C-alpha atoms as a PDB file:
ATOM      1  CA  MET A   1     105.175 213.167 158.422  1.00  0.00           C
ATOM      2  CA  ALA A   2     103.408 216.481 157.931  1.00  0.00           C
ATOM      3  CA  PRO A   3      99.769 217.421 157.558  1.00  0.00           C
ATOM      4  CA  SER A   4      98.314 216.880 154.100  1.00  0.00           C
ATOM      5  CA  ASN A   5      99.857 219.033 151.387  1.00  0.00           C
ATOM      6  CA  SER A   6     100.452 218.735 147.637  1.00  0.00           C
ATOM      7  CA  LEU A   7     103.733 216.827 148.065  1.00  0.00           C
ATOM      8  CA  SER A   8     102.409 214.383 150.655  1.00  0.00           C
ATOM      9  CA  ARG A   9      99.282 213.771 148.548  1.00  0.00           C
ATOM     10  CA  ARG A  10     101.364 213.174 145.408  1.00  0.00           C
ATOM     11  CA  TYR A  11     103.655 210.638 147.098  1.00  0.00           C
ATOM     12  CA  SER A  12     101.172 209.250 149.631  1.00  0.00           C
ATOM     13  CA  HIS A  13     101.404 205.690 148.287  1.00  0.00           C
ATOM     14  CA  GLN A  14     105.194 205.553 148.696  1.00  0.00           C
ATOM     15  CA  ILE A  15     105.126 207.346 152.057  1.00  0.00           C
ATOM     16  CA  ASN A  16     102.398 205.095 153.446  1.00  0.00           C
ATOM     17  CA  ALA A  17     104.245 201.967 152.294  1.00  0.00           C
ATOM     18  CA  TRP A  18     107.154 202.947 154.545  1.00  0.00           C
ATOM     19  CA  VAL A  19     105.453 204.739 157.423  1.00  0.00           C
ATOM     20  CA  TYR A  20     102.160 203.008 158.188  1.00  0.00           C
ATOM     21  CA  PRO A  21     103.251 199.437 158.629  1.00  0.00           C
ATOM     22  CA  PHE A  22     105.182 200.445 161.745  1.00  0.00           C
ATOM     23  CA  PHE A  23     104.214 203.984 162.706  1.00  0.00           C
ATOM     24  CA  GLU A  24     101.085 206.035 162.793  1.00  0.00           C
ATOM     25  CA  GLN A  25     100.585 209.751 162.756  1.00  0.00           C
ATOM     26  CA  ASN A  26      97.659 211.901 163.668  1.00  0.00           C
ATOM     27  CA  TRP A  27      97.270 215.549 164.414  1.00  0.00           C
ATOM     28  CA  ARG A  28      95.060 215.330 167.509  1.00  0.00           C
ATOM     29  CA  LEU A  29      97.781 216.673 169.800  1.00  0.00           C
ATOM     30  CA  PHE A  30      95.520 219.191 171.511  1.00  0.00           C
ATOM     31  CA  ALA A  31      92.184 217.407 171.079  1.00  0.00           C
ATOM     32  CA  PRO A  32      92.648 213.638 171.317  1.00  0.00           C
ATOM     33  CA  ASN A  33      89.739 211.257 171.558  1.00  0.00           C
ATOM     34  CA  PRO A  34      89.972 209.889 175.083  1.00  0.00           C
ATOM     35  CA  ASP A  35      89.219 206.216 175.587  1.00  0.00           C
ATOM     36  CA  SER A  36      85.760 205.546 176.981  1.00  0.00           C
ATOM     37  CA  VAL A  37      86.777 202.064 178.127  1.00  0.00           C
ATOM     38  CA  ASN A  38      89.586 200.477 180.089  1.00  0.00           C
ATOM     39  CA  ARG A  39      91.189 197.406 178.595  1.00  0.00           C
ATOM     40  CA  GLN A  40      93.075 194.817 180.580  1.00  0.00           C
ATOM     41  CA  ILE A  41      95.295 192.683 178.353  1.00  0.00           C
ATOM     42  CA  LEU A  42      96.367 189.344 179.786  1.00  0.00           C
ATOM     43  CA  ALA A  43      98.583 186.668 178.269  1.00  0.00           C
ATOM     44  CA  ARG A  44      99.376 183.058 178.943  1.00  0.00           C
ATOM     45  CA  THR A  45     101.866 180.816 177.255  1.00  0.00           C
ATOM     46  CA  ALA A  46     102.138 177.163 176.348  1.00  0.00           C
ATOM     47  CA  HIS A  47     104.987 174.810 175.663  1.00  0.00           C
ATOM     48  CA  THR A  48     104.827 171.310 174.281  1.00  0.00           C
ATOM     49  CA  ALA A  49     106.655 169.040 176.713  1.00  0.00           C
ATOM     50  CA  SER A  50     108.851 166.135 175.607  1.00  0.00           C
ATOM     51  CA  ASP A  51     106.028 163.697 176.411  1.00  0.00           C
ATOM     52  CA  GLY A  52     103.745 165.577 173.975  1.00  0.00           C
ATOM     53  CA  SER A  53     101.582 167.219 176.637  1.00  0.00           C
ATOM     54  CA  MET A  54     100.845 170.928 176.567  1.00  0.00           C
ATOM     55  CA  ARG A  55     102.092 172.928 179.578  1.00  0.00           C
ATOM     56  CA  VAL A  56     100.031 176.127 180.006  1.00  0.00           C
ATOM     57  CA  SER A  57     101.170 178.998 182.218  1.00  0.00           C
ATOM     58  CA  PRO A  58      98.951 181.100 184.477  1.00  0.00           C
ATOM     59  CA  TRP A  59      97.660 184.405 183.079  1.00  0.00           C
ATOM     60  CA  VAL A  60     100.023 187.411 183.261  1.00  0.00           C
ATOM     61  CA  ASP A  61      98.387 190.848 183.414  1.00  0.00           C
ATOM     62  CA  LEU A  62     100.377 192.778 180.798  1.00  0.00           C
ATOM     63  CA  THR A  63      98.405 195.960 181.456  1.00  0.00           C
ATOM     64  CA  ALA A  64      99.420 195.862 185.129  1.00  0.00           C
ATOM     65  CA  VAL A  65     103.059 195.256 184.133  1.00  0.00           C
ATOM     66  CA  ASP A  66     102.925 198.331 181.853  1.00  0.00           C
ATOM     67  CA  ARG A  67     101.215 200.425 184.523  1.00  0.00           C
ATOM     68  CA  ALA A  68     103.863 199.456 187.098  1.00  0.00           C
ATOM     69  CA  ALA A  69     106.636 200.390 184.642  1.00  0.00           C
ATOM     70  CA  ILE A  70     105.395 203.975 184.354  1.00  0.00           C
ATOM     71  CA  GLU A  71     103.713 204.617 187.700  1.00  0.00           C
ATOM     72  CA  HIS A  72     106.570 206.307 189.587  1.00  0.00           C
ATOM     73  CA  HIS A  73     108.545 207.694 186.646  1.00  0.00           C
ATOM     74  CA  VAL A  74     108.602 211.454 186.246  1.00  0.00           C
ATOM     75  CA  PHE A  75     109.127 211.080 182.494  1.00  0.00           C
ATOM     76  CA  PRO A  76     107.720 207.697 181.503  1.00  0.00           C
ATOM     77  CA  SER A  77     108.511 206.526 178.015  1.00  0.00           C
ATOM     78  CA  HIS A  78     105.853 206.920 175.348  1.00  0.00           C
ATOM     79  CA  THR A  79     106.551 203.323 174.352  1.00  0.00           C
ATOM     80  CA  ALA A  80     105.925 201.997 177.862  1.00  0.00           C
ATOM     81  CA  GLN A  81     102.651 203.892 177.999  1.00  0.00           C
ATOM     82  CA  ASN A  82     101.234 203.120 174.576  1.00  0.00           C
ATOM     83  CA  LEU A  83     102.928 200.259 172.719  1.00  0.00           C
ATOM     84  CA  LEU A  84     100.679 197.419 173.860  1.00  0.00           C
ATOM     85  CA  ARG A  85      97.524 199.550 173.871  1.00  0.00           C
ATOM     86  CA  ARG A  86      98.115 200.852 170.328  1.00  0.00           C
ATOM     87  CA  ALA A  87      99.063 197.376 169.074  1.00  0.00           C
ATOM     88  CA  TRP A  88      95.707 196.116 170.384  1.00  0.00           C
ATOM     89  CA  SER A  89      93.841 199.036 168.783  1.00  0.00           C
ATOM     90  CA  SER A  90      95.514 198.334 165.445  1.00  0.00           C
ATOM     91  CA  TYR A  91      94.707 194.634 165.789  1.00  0.00           C
ATOM     92  CA  ILE A  92      90.993 195.223 166.335  1.00  0.00           C
ATOM     93  CA  GLU A  93      90.914 197.729 163.453  1.00  0.00           C
ATOM     94  CA  THR A  94      92.323 195.102 161.054  1.00  0.00           C
ATOM     95  CA  HIS A  95      90.507 191.989 162.312  1.00  0.00           C
ATOM     96  CA  GLY A  96      86.844 191.198 162.580  1.00  0.00           C
ATOM     97  CA  ALA A  97      85.138 189.901 165.668  1.00  0.00           C
ATOM     98  CA  ASP A  98      86.181 186.404 164.552  1.00  0.00           C
ATOM     99  CA  ASP A  99      89.908 187.293 164.786  1.00  0.00           C
ATOM    100  CA  THR A 100      90.529 186.443 161.142  1.00  0.00           C
ATOM    101  CA  ALA A 101      93.275 188.328 159.303  1.00  0.00           C
ATOM    102  CA  ARG A 102      91.974 189.397 155.891  1.00  0.00           C
ATOM    103  CA  SER A 103      94.939 191.387 154.613  1.00  0.00           C
ATOM    104  CA  GLU A 104      98.718 191.522 154.815  1.00  0.00           C
ATOM    105  CA  ARG A 105      98.446 194.475 157.194  1.00  0.00           C
ATOM    106  CA  ALA A 106      96.137 192.436 159.450  1.00  0.00           C
ATOM    107  CA  GLU A 107      98.638 189.555 159.486  1.00  0.00           C
ATOM    108  CA  MET A 108     101.422 191.997 160.290  1.00  0.00           C
ATOM    109  CA  MET A 109      99.426 193.546 163.153  1.00  0.00           C
ATOM    110  CA  GLN A 110      98.710 190.078 164.571  1.00  0.00           C
ATOM    111  CA  THR A 111     102.418 189.219 164.476  1.00  0.00           C
ATOM    112  CA  TYR A 112     103.287 192.615 165.966  1.00  0.00           C
ATOM    113  CA  LEU A 113     100.836 192.146 168.854  1.00  0.00           C
ATOM    114  CA  SER A 114     101.954 188.577 169.553  1.00  0.00           C
ATOM    115  CA  ASN A 115     105.635 189.603 169.474  1.00  0.00           C
ATOM    116  CA  ILE A 116     105.035 192.430 171.949  1.00  0.00           C
ATOM    117  CA  ALA A 117     103.096 190.128 174.263  1.00  0.00           C
ATOM    118  CA  ALA A 118     105.691 187.342 173.981  1.00  0.00           C
ATOM    119  CA  ALA A 119     108.536 189.739 174.762  1.00  0.00           C
ATOM    120  CA  ARG A 120     106.670 191.182 177.754  1.00  0.00           C
ATOM    121  CA  VAL A 121     105.882 187.722 179.135  1.00  0.00           C
ATOM    122  CA  ALA A 122     109.478 186.559 178.612  1.00  0.00           C
ATOM    123  CA  ASP A 123     110.793 189.672 180.422  1.00  0.00           C
ATOM    124  CA  HIS A 124     108.273 189.263 183.241  1.00  0.00           C
ATOM    125  CA  ASP A 125     108.479 185.501 183.709  1.00  0.00           C
ATOM    126  CA  ARG A 126     112.245 184.975 183.393  1.00  0.00           C
ATOM    127  CA  GLY A 127     111.469 181.284 183.531  1.00  0.00           C
ATOM    128  CA  GLY A 128     110.934 178.487 181.072  1.00  0.00           C
ATOM    129  CA  THR A 129     110.471 178.445 177.361  1.00  0.00           C
ATOM    130  CA  PHE A 130     107.227 178.716 175.433  1.00  0.00           C
ATOM    131  CA  ASP A 131     106.111 178.235 171.856  1.00  0.00           C
ATOM    132  CA  PHE A 132     102.540 179.561 171.904  1.00  0.00           C
ATOM    133  CA  ILE A 133     100.835 182.614 173.338  1.00  0.00           C
ATOM    134  CA  GLN A 134      97.194 183.429 173.929  1.00  0.00           C
ATOM    135  CA  LEU A 135      95.712 186.810 174.820  1.00  0.00           C
ATOM    136  CA  ARG A 136      92.576 187.675 176.725  1.00  0.00           C
ATOM    137  CA  VAL A 137      91.276 191.229 176.649  1.00  0.00           C
ATOM    138  CA  VAL A 138      88.766 192.380 179.255  1.00  0.00           C
ATOM    139  CA  THR A 139      87.011 195.624 178.353  1.00  0.00           C
ATOM    140  CA  ARG A 140      85.190 197.703 180.985  1.00  0.00           C
ATOM    141  CA  PRO A 141      83.563 201.117 180.721  1.00  0.00           C
ATOM    142  CA  VAL A 142      85.423 203.922 182.470  1.00  0.00           C
ATOM    143  CA  ALA A 143      84.125 204.107 186.033  1.00  0.00           C
ATOM    144  CA  ALA A 144      82.157 207.155 187.080  1.00  0.00           C
ATOM    145  CA  PRO A 145      83.910 209.407 189.601  1.00  0.00           C
ATOM    146  CA  GLY A 146      83.280 208.132 193.116  1.00  0.00           C
ATOM    147  CA  ALA A 147      81.905 204.773 191.961  1.00  0.00           C
ATOM    148  CA  ARG A 148      81.927 202.201 194.764  1.00  0.00           C
ATOM    149  CA  ARG A 149      82.320 199.146 192.514  1.00  0.00           C
ATOM    150  CA  PRO A 150      84.314 198.622 189.339  1.00  0.00           C
ATOM    151  CA  PRO A 151      82.112 198.516 186.237  1.00  0.00           C
ATOM    152  CA  THR A 152      81.019 195.153 184.884  1.00  0.00           C
ATOM    153  CA  PRO A 153      83.065 194.008 181.868  1.00  0.00           C
ATOM    154  CA  VAL A 154      81.338 194.669 178.565  1.00  0.00           C
ATOM    155  CA  GLU A 155      83.590 192.265 176.692  1.00  0.00           C
ATOM    156  CA  ASN A 156      85.855 189.386 177.649  1.00  0.00           C
ATOM    157  CA  ARG A 157      87.600 188.431 174.418  1.00  0.00           C
ATOM    158  CA  LEU A 158      89.715 185.288 174.249  1.00  0.00           C
ATOM    159  CA  LEU A 159      92.001 185.168 171.220  1.00  0.00           C
ATOM    160  CA  PRO A 160      93.234 181.941 169.638  1.00  0.00           C
ATOM    161  CA  TRP A 161      96.619 180.425 170.457  1.00  0.00           C
ATOM    162  CA  TRP A 162      99.359 181.887 168.268  1.00  0.00           C
ATOM    163  CA  LYS A 163     102.648 180.176 167.433  1.00  0.00           C
ATOM    164  CA  VAL A 164     105.587 182.397 168.347  1.00  0.00           C
ATOM    165  CA  THR A 165     109.320 182.153 167.968  1.00  0.00           C
ATOM    166  CA  SER A 166     110.456 180.087 170.927  1.00  0.00           C
ATOM    167  CA  HIS A 167     111.019 182.302 173.963  1.00  0.00           C
ATOM    168  CA  GLY A 168     112.888 181.512 177.100  1.00  0.00           C
ATOM    169  CA  LYS A 169     116.240 181.773 178.718  1.00  0.00           C
END
């Protein structure tokens, strides 16, 4: 997609219908808005056992998994660096503080985020199956240079359980 011009303005509805559900574009290449907070995204899963009880997994730090995937790579993939973070940003842009989807785009972003998290947990865990996923997002301000202690979280957001396509191997 190109910067705004007469053609892109004329066909913006058709272009946006194809591009924006899955991709985003901005022109802040040389002047991005840096994040002023660090977000830690954690996930846990649940599976209904044959006796009807709910089996809940321990929390998996998806942010740490992403960080480890790019830490020693000379050319880390853009996807590894930004997929989960941008999915979360899109989720919070389309949902209120009550985590209620109020549009088709919001529902799509919720599904997108849960699918990414479910795939990451399935790849990381390599264990049993699960039918539900829950995310917790801990937000902290960026620490000042030379700070002795990590900053206190400003938000600890627990999302509801989401039904996912059964995962497991």
